[in-house]
Amino acid sequence: MDTFVPKTNWAYTAPNTTYPYNPTVGQQLLDEAGWTLQSGAEYRSKDGKELVLILTTTTAPFRVTYLTVFEEQMKACGIRIIRNHQPASWWFGDSTGLQVRDFELGNFAWIIEDDEPGGYTLYACNQIPSPTNNWSGQNFMGWCNQEASDAIIQASDPRLPREQRKTFYATVINQFAEDIPSLPLFLRSNATVWEHIDFNLQTFRQDRDLAASNADSVVFTDYSGNQHTITLPSGAITQPITLSYHPLVANANPLPANTQTAHAFRLSVSINGVPGDTFSFNQPITITLRYTDTNLANIFDENSLDLFYWDRASNSWKDAAETCPIAERYERLDADQNLFEVRVCHLSEFSLIGTKKSQVFLPMVMR
């Protein structure tokens, strides 16, 4: 496919810009962008960091199969692809994965129904899910090309004559080909479902580069505007790292019974641009979380707040302080300052959890 409209569809027009298979030109473009392949290296790098992209999708076997091939093809170009296969319940959840744009590259499929390409909710500027519109819309790429946006509104209107709509679709197709916010791949055998890879043009992840050995302090901001501080003592790391904060709308893993999240986030580390599955600090780091009364709207008792981490080994939530040896553990809740502080020694998905507020309904008796 060379665009989001199948070639057999009435709305299809060949884009003005096409991209023929040409590895030589592709390598030249990467060189010009500063991503060069050093002698003996498998992957291209720039400013000491590898060219790495994380591709998130479902665990469907056919996607594992063809994206394994895609990973090898990109390796041949010097691009490292890390496949992140997640359960469909998380990837397509109302407040996780794709809907809240928690990805770098995202692979999934769209359905073309009744010979209608549609596209308004996918490509209009006002359909970009974000914290300000409560994550509504399906423009998961964050693509806002005003000319294409105006055209897709007209093109998707079934009340207009098809020839007129086809002209508007041509505008969108050409702008789509110029910007490449998404990579169309192929139609499935039923010819109504097409696979593609979206590029997230505005990641909400926040990265901070940290030098080895030095004490340091970094600040991250969540979707509510709260600022959280992470303090590293001298000697906590022995090599330069990039510390990444991923704000979450909801946790990927189910909470303990009768509890509610006040704040959810992930912390991860990359070394030379390559993210690792696990990372431990040589000295405990301190996480200072701040929250507002709005964050506690569904919390019954503020004094019940505690920071938990997701333990993969046991598939359960555990006290974040338990990531450190007993002698190094520390946590403090200051309800007056709306602040929670804890020391941790390794990274994970975290959740500031409290007792859930419950509603009691009394029966109504009529006489």
Protein backbone atom coordinates (compact mmCIF):
# COMPACT_ATOMS: atom_id res chain seq x y z
CA MET A 1 0.00 0.00 0.00
CA ASP A 2 1.20 3.53 -0.72
CA THR A 3 -1.52 5.32 1.28
CA PHE A 4 -4.41 4.70 3.66
CA VAL A 5 -6.93 4.12 0.82
CA PRO A 6 -6.75 0.72 -0.94
CA LYS A 7 -6.02 0.90 -4.67
CA THR A 8 -9.28 -0.91 -5.44
CA ASN A 9 -11.37 1.69 -3.60
CA TRP A 10 -13.31 4.38 -5.49
CA ALA A 11 -11.60 7.10 -3.42
CA TYR A 12 -8.05 6.05 -4.31
CA THR A 13 -5.72 8.42 -6.13
CA ALA A 14 -2.02 7.67 -6.56
CA PRO A 15 -0.02 10.10 -4.38
CA ASN A 16 2.20 12.64 -6.09
CA THR A 17 5.10 11.49 -3.93
CA THR A 18 6.01 7.79 -3.90
CA TYR A 19 8.91 5.99 -2.29
CA PRO A 20 10.46 3.28 -4.45
CA TYR A 21 12.47 0.49 -2.86
CA ASN A 22 16.00 1.90 -2.92
CA PRO A 23 18.32 0.87 -0.04
CA THR A 24 21.17 3.02 -1.37
CA VAL A 25 19.12 6.23 -1.19
CA GLY A 26 17.79 5.18 2.20
CA GLN A 27 21.32 4.76 3.56
CA GLN A 28 22.31 8.14 2.14
CA LEU A 29 19.34 9.84 3.84
CA LEU A 30 20.34 8.34 7.18
CA ASP A 31 23.95 9.51 6.67
CA GLU A 32 22.74 13.02 5.83
CA ALA A 33 20.62 13.07 9.00
CA GLY A 34 23.74 12.30 11.04
CA TRP A 35 22.92 8.66 11.80
CA THR A 36 26.10 6.93 10.65
CA LEU A 37 27.24 3.32 10.85
CA GLN A 38 30.56 3.17 12.68
CA SER A 39 33.14 0.55 11.78
CA GLY A 40 32.19 -2.82 13.29
CA ALA A 41 28.82 -1.57 14.57
CA GLU A 42 25.49 -3.25 13.82
CA TYR A 43 23.39 -0.14 14.33
CA ARG A 44 23.71 3.49 13.35
CA SER A 45 24.45 6.11 15.98
CA LYS A 46 24.48 9.86 16.45
CA ASP A 47 26.12 11.80 19.29
CA GLY A 48 27.01 8.51 20.96
CA LYS A 49 23.46 7.11 20.94
CA GLU A 50 22.09 4.28 18.82
CA LEU A 51 19.16 4.70 16.45
CA VAL A 52 16.58 2.76 18.46
CA LEU A 53 12.79 2.69 18.10
CA ILE A 54 10.32 0.74 20.24
CA LEU A 55 7.49 -0.83 18.23
CA THR A 56 4.39 -1.65 20.28
CA THR A 57 1.62 -3.96 19.11
CA THR A 58 -0.48 -6.94 20.22
CA THR A 59 0.64 -10.50 20.93
CA ALA A 60 -1.23 -11.84 17.87
CA PRO A 61 0.94 -14.62 16.32
CA PHE A 62 0.74 -13.22 12.77
CA ARG A 63 2.05 -9.85 14.03
CA VAL A 64 4.89 -11.55 15.87
CA THR A 65 5.74 -13.31 12.60
CA TYR A 66 5.77 -10.41 10.17
CA LEU A 67 7.22 -7.86 12.61
CA THR A 68 10.11 -10.22 13.29
CA VAL A 69 10.84 -9.91 9.57
CA PHE A 70 10.40 -6.13 9.78
CA GLU A 71 12.87 -6.03 12.69
CA GLU A 72 15.48 -7.86 10.59
CA GLN A 73 14.85 -5.58 7.61
CA MET A 74 15.43 -2.49 9.74
CA LYS A 75 18.57 -4.06 11.22
CA ALA A 76 19.90 -4.32 7.68
CA CYS A 77 19.44 -0.53 7.50
CA GLY A 78 21.27 -0.05 10.81
CA ILE A 79 18.08 0.73 12.77
CA ARG A 80 17.43 -1.18 15.99
CA ILE A 81 13.75 -2.07 16.45
CA ILE A 82 12.66 -3.33 19.86
CA ARG A 83 9.33 -5.15 19.58
CA ASN A 84 6.98 -4.62 22.51
CA HIS A 85 4.14 -7.13 22.25
CA GLN A 86 1.34 -6.37 24.72
CA PRO A 87 -2.10 -7.89 25.45
CA ALA A 88 -4.83 -6.44 23.24
CA SER A 89 -6.76 -5.47 26.39
CA TRP A 90 -3.95 -3.03 27.27
CA TRP A 91 -3.09 -1.90 23.72
CA PHE A 92 -6.71 -1.06 22.89
CA GLY A 93 -7.80 -0.06 26.41
CA ASP A 94 -9.82 3.08 27.13
CA SER A 95 -7.06 4.60 29.27
CA THR A 96 -3.94 2.63 28.33
CA GLY A 97 -1.75 1.98 25.30
CA LEU A 98 -2.85 3.35 21.95
CA GLN A 99 -5.67 5.62 23.17
CA VAL A 100 -3.37 7.60 25.47
CA ARG A 101 -0.53 7.49 22.91
CA ASP A 102 1.79 5.44 25.10
CA PHE A 103 4.06 4.32 22.25
CA GLU A 104 6.82 5.39 19.83
CA LEU A 105 5.84 3.20 16.88
CA GLY A 106 2.43 1.56 17.03
CA ASN A 107 1.26 -1.33 14.86
CA PHE A 108 -2.43 -2.19 14.46
CA ALA A 109 -5.17 -2.34 11.82
CA TRP A 110 -8.10 -0.25 10.63
CA ILE A 111 -11.27 -1.61 9.02
CA ILE A 112 -12.74 -0.07 5.87
CA GLU A 113 -16.49 -0.59 6.07
CA ASP A 114 -18.99 -0.58 3.21
CA ASP A 115 -16.47 0.71 0.69
CA GLU A 116 -16.05 3.89 2.79
CA PRO A 117 -12.47 4.97 3.53
CA GLY A 118 -13.64 7.37 6.28
CA GLY A 119 -10.69 9.05 7.95
CA TYR A 120 -12.14 12.02 9.84
CA THR A 121 -11.45 10.64 13.33
CA LEU A 122 -8.04 9.41 12.15
CA TYR A 123 -6.54 12.47 10.47
CA ALA A 124 -8.36 15.64 11.55
CA CYS A 125 -6.44 17.99 13.85
CA ASN A 126 -9.27 18.08 16.38
CA GLN A 127 -9.17 14.30 16.73
CA ILE A 128 -5.76 14.07 18.43
CA PRO A 129 -6.15 12.40 21.85
CA SER A 130 -4.51 14.48 24.57
CA PRO A 131 -4.89 15.32 28.26
CA THR A 132 -6.75 18.53 27.35
CA ASN A 133 -9.59 16.73 25.51
CA ASN A 134 -9.71 13.74 27.87
CA TRP A 135 -8.00 11.53 25.28
CA SER A 136 -10.83 11.59 22.76
CA GLY A 137 -10.32 10.97 19.04
CA GLN A 138 -8.33 8.40 17.07
CA ASN A 139 -5.56 10.51 15.54
CA PHE A 140 -3.04 8.58 17.62
CA MET A 141 -0.13 9.91 15.56
CA GLY A 142 -0.82 13.49 16.61
CA TRP A 143 -0.70 14.49 12.93
CA CYS A 144 -2.00 18.01 12.40
CA ASN A 145 -1.65 19.14 8.80
CA GLN A 146 -4.31 21.84 8.45
CA GLU A 147 -4.77 21.38 4.71
CA ALA A 148 -5.23 17.64 5.14
CA SER A 149 -7.45 18.17 8.18
CA ASP A 150 -9.81 20.49 6.32
CA ALA A 151 -9.90 18.13 3.34
CA ILE A 152 -10.62 14.95 5.34
CA ILE A 153 -13.66 16.61 6.92
CA GLN A 154 -15.10 17.15 3.44
CA ALA A 155 -13.89 13.84 2.06
CA SER A 156 -15.59 11.89 4.86
CA ASP A 157 -18.97 13.54 4.29
CA PRO A 158 -21.18 10.90 2.56
CA ARG A 159 -23.70 13.60 1.58
CA LEU A 160 -21.30 14.99 -1.03
CA PRO A 161 -20.99 13.48 -4.54
CA ARG A 162 -18.26 10.86 -4.78
CA GLU A 163 -16.31 12.71 -7.46
CA GLN A 164 -16.13 15.77 -5.22
CA ARG A 165 -15.14 13.65 -2.25
CA LYS A 166 -12.45 11.93 -4.33
CA THR A 167 -10.86 15.33 -4.99
CA PHE A 168 -10.70 15.99 -1.24
CA TYR A 169 -9.29 12.51 -0.63
CA ALA A 170 -6.58 13.25 -3.20
CA THR A 171 -5.52 16.27 -1.14
CA VAL A 172 -5.30 14.18 2.03
CA ILE A 173 -3.45 11.38 0.22
CA ASN A 174 -0.83 13.81 -1.11
CA GLN A 175 -0.28 15.49 2.25
CA PHE A 176 -0.13 12.07 3.90
CA ALA A 177 2.58 11.03 1.42
CA GLU A 178 4.58 14.20 2.09
CA ASP A 179 4.48 13.97 5.90
CA ILE A 180 4.41 10.17 6.41
CA PRO A 181 2.78 10.19 9.85
CA SER A 182 1.99 6.50 9.32
CA LEU A 183 3.47 3.68 7.26
CA PRO A 184 0.81 1.69 5.34
CA LEU A 185 1.84 -1.94 5.09
CA PHE A 186 -0.63 -4.31 3.44
CA LEU A 187 -4.26 -5.35 3.13
CA ARG A 188 -5.27 -8.58 4.78
CA SER A 189 -6.79 -11.33 2.67
CA ASN A 190 -10.34 -10.05 3.10
CA ALA A 191 -9.27 -6.69 1.59
CA THR A 192 -11.22 -4.68 4.19
CA VAL A 193 -8.56 -4.58 6.91
CA TRP A 194 -5.20 -2.88 6.47
CA GLU A 195 -2.13 -3.12 8.69
CA HIS A 196 0.04 -0.10 9.32
CA ILE A 197 2.61 1.43 11.68
CA ASP A 198 1.82 4.81 13.23
CA PHE A 199 4.57 7.21 14.28
CA ASN A 200 3.81 9.05 17.52
CA LEU A 201 4.72 12.63 16.63
CA GLN A 202 4.44 13.89 20.23
CA THR A 203 5.56 11.46 22.89
CA PHE A 204 4.63 12.35 26.45
CA ARG A 205 7.72 10.60 27.79
CA GLN A 206 10.18 12.95 29.46
CA ASP A 207 13.92 12.17 29.19
CA ARG A 208 16.79 13.47 31.30
CA ASP A 209 20.48 12.73 30.62
CA LEU A 210 22.45 12.05 33.81
CA ALA A 211 26.22 11.91 34.20
CA ALA A 212 28.00 9.14 36.09
CA SER A 213 29.01 9.47 39.77
CA ASN A 214 27.63 13.00 40.27
CA ALA A 215 24.74 13.76 42.60
CA ASP A 216 21.82 15.11 40.62
CA SER A 217 18.15 16.04 40.83
CA VAL A 218 15.59 16.06 38.01
CA VAL A 219 11.97 17.19 37.82
CA PHE A 220 9.16 15.57 35.82
CA THR A 221 5.61 16.81 35.25
CA ASP A 222 2.49 14.63 35.11
CA TYR A 223 -0.76 15.20 33.18
CA SER A 224 -2.24 17.17 36.09
CA GLY A 225 0.68 19.59 36.18
CA ASN A 226 2.16 18.15 39.38
CA GLN A 227 5.95 18.27 39.50
CA HIS A 228 7.78 15.25 40.85
CA THR A 229 11.45 15.20 41.83
CA ILE A 230 13.92 12.35 41.56
CA THR A 231 17.16 12.81 43.51
CA LEU A 232 20.25 10.71 42.84
CA PRO A 233 23.06 10.68 45.42
CA SER A 234 26.70 10.57 44.35
CA GLY A 235 27.62 7.07 43.20
CA ALA A 236 24.07 5.99 42.35
CA ILE A 237 25.14 5.39 38.72
CA THR A 238 28.54 4.48 37.32
CA GLN A 239 27.91 5.34 33.67
CA PRO A 240 25.91 8.01 31.82
CA ILE A 241 22.23 7.13 31.51
CA THR A 242 19.01 8.61 30.22
CA LEU A 243 16.29 8.48 32.85
CA SER A 244 12.79 8.45 31.33
CA TYR A 245 9.51 9.29 33.05
CA HIS A 246 6.33 7.95 31.41
CA PRO A 247 3.15 9.57 32.80
CA LEU A 248 0.22 7.16 32.75
CA VAL A 249 -3.52 7.72 32.76
CA ALA A 250 -4.04 4.29 34.32
CA ASN A 251 -1.87 1.38 35.33
CA ALA A 252 -1.38 -1.48 32.91
CA ASN A 253 -1.78 -4.01 35.72
CA PRO A 254 -4.87 -4.52 37.92
CA LEU A 255 -4.84 -2.89 41.35
CA PRO A 256 -5.37 -4.69 44.65
CA ALA A 257 -9.00 -4.98 45.75
CA ASN A 258 -10.66 -1.85 47.17
CA THR A 259 -7.84 0.47 46.12
CA GLN A 260 -7.59 3.44 43.76
CA THR A 261 -4.68 5.08 41.94
CA ALA A 262 -3.90 8.72 42.67
CA HIS A 263 -0.92 8.82 40.31
CA ALA A 264 0.53 6.27 37.86
CA PHE A 265 3.85 6.34 36.00
CA ARG A 266 6.75 4.27 34.69
CA LEU A 267 10.46 4.94 35.12
CA SER A 268 12.99 3.45 32.73
CA VAL A 269 16.64 3.85 31.84
CA SER A 270 18.45 3.90 28.48
CA ILE A 271 22.20 3.50 28.01
CA ASN A 272 23.61 4.94 24.77
CA GLY A 273 20.05 5.17 23.53
CA VAL A 274 19.21 1.52 24.17
CA PRO A 275 16.51 0.89 26.81
CA GLY A 276 17.04 -1.98 29.20
CA ASP A 277 14.48 -4.34 30.72
CA THR A 278 15.86 -3.86 34.23
CA PHE A 279 18.13 -1.36 35.93
CA SER A 280 19.34 -1.14 39.54
CA PHE A 281 21.06 1.79 41.23
CA ASN A 282 24.20 1.43 43.34
CA GLN A 283 22.69 3.80 45.92
CA PRO A 284 18.99 4.36 46.67
CA ILE A 285 17.40 7.24 44.77
CA THR A 286 14.62 9.35 46.28
CA ILE A 287 11.28 9.91 44.53
CA THR A 288 9.26 12.86 45.76
CA LEU A 289 5.68 12.85 44.47
CA ARG A 290 3.22 15.73 44.71
CA TYR A 291 -0.53 15.54 44.26
CA THR A 292 -3.65 17.67 44.53
CA ASP A 293 -7.05 17.19 46.09
CA THR A 294 -8.37 16.47 42.59
CA ASN A 295 -6.05 13.46 42.36
CA LEU A 296 -7.60 12.19 45.60
CA ALA A 297 -11.22 12.50 44.41
CA ASN A 298 -11.73 8.72 44.59
CA ILE A 299 -9.47 8.08 47.58
CA PHE A 300 -11.29 7.41 50.86
CA ASP A 301 -8.41 8.17 53.25
CA GLU A 302 -5.38 10.26 52.26
CA ASN A 303 -3.37 8.64 55.05
CA SER A 304 -3.72 5.29 53.29
CA LEU A 305 -1.55 6.48 50.36
CA ASP A 306 1.55 4.46 49.60
CA LEU A 307 3.74 4.04 46.51
CA PHE A 308 3.73 0.55 45.00
CA TYR A 309 5.73 -1.02 42.18
CA TRP A 310 4.76 -3.85 39.85
CA ASP A 311 6.82 -6.94 40.62
CA ARG A 312 7.05 -9.05 37.45
CA ALA A 313 8.33 -12.11 39.29
CA SER A 314 5.21 -12.42 41.45
CA ASN A 315 2.78 -10.53 39.16
CA SER A 316 1.70 -8.37 42.06
CA TRP A 317 2.00 -4.86 43.51
CA LYS A 318 4.57 -4.42 46.28
CA ASP A 319 5.66 -1.53 48.46
CA ALA A 320 8.14 0.56 46.45
CA ALA A 321 10.43 0.84 49.47
CA GLU A 322 10.97 -2.92 49.23
CA THR A 323 13.08 -2.41 46.11
CA CYS A 324 15.90 -1.47 48.52
CA PRO A 325 17.65 -3.52 51.23
CA ILE A 326 15.96 -3.25 54.62
CA ALA A 327 18.62 -0.92 56.01
CA GLU A 328 18.09 1.54 53.13
CA ARG A 329 14.27 1.70 53.15
CA TYR A 330 12.53 5.00 53.76
CA GLU A 331 9.11 6.46 52.96
CA ARG A 332 7.16 9.42 54.26
CA LEU A 333 3.69 10.84 53.67
CA ASP A 334 3.11 14.54 54.38
CA ALA A 335 -0.64 15.02 54.05
CA ASP A 336 -0.36 18.71 54.91
CA GLN A 337 1.98 19.35 51.98
CA ASN A 338 0.31 16.80 49.64
CA LEU A 339 3.64 15.04 49.28
CA PHE A 340 4.89 11.46 49.33
CA GLU A 341 8.57 10.57 49.48
CA VAL A 342 10.21 7.17 49.11
CA ARG A 343 13.59 5.64 48.34
CA VAL A 344 13.80 3.07 45.55
CA CYS A 345 16.67 0.99 44.20
CA HIS A 346 15.34 -0.24 40.87
CA LEU A 347 12.80 0.92 38.32
CA SER A 348 9.41 -0.37 37.27
CA GLU A 349 5.81 0.70 36.76
CA PHE A 350 4.68 2.61 39.86
CA SER A 351 1.35 3.58 41.36
CA LEU A 352 0.49 5.88 44.25
CA ILE A 353 -2.38 3.86 45.70
CA GLY A 354 -4.90 4.54 48.45
CA THR A 355 -8.09 3.04 49.85
CA LYS A 356 -10.92 3.38 47.34
CA LYS A 357 -13.88 5.57 48.18
CA SER A 358 -17.07 3.50 48.30
CA GLN A 359 -20.73 4.36 47.88
CA VAL A 360 -23.43 2.82 50.02
CA PHE A 361 -26.95 2.73 48.59
CA LEU A 362 -29.89 2.42 50.96
CA PRO A 363 -33.09 0.74 49.81
CA MET A 364 -36.12 2.90 49.05
CA VAL A 365 -39.41 1.74 50.52
CA MET A 366 -42.67 2.98 48.97
CA ARG A 367 -46.03 2.74 50.68
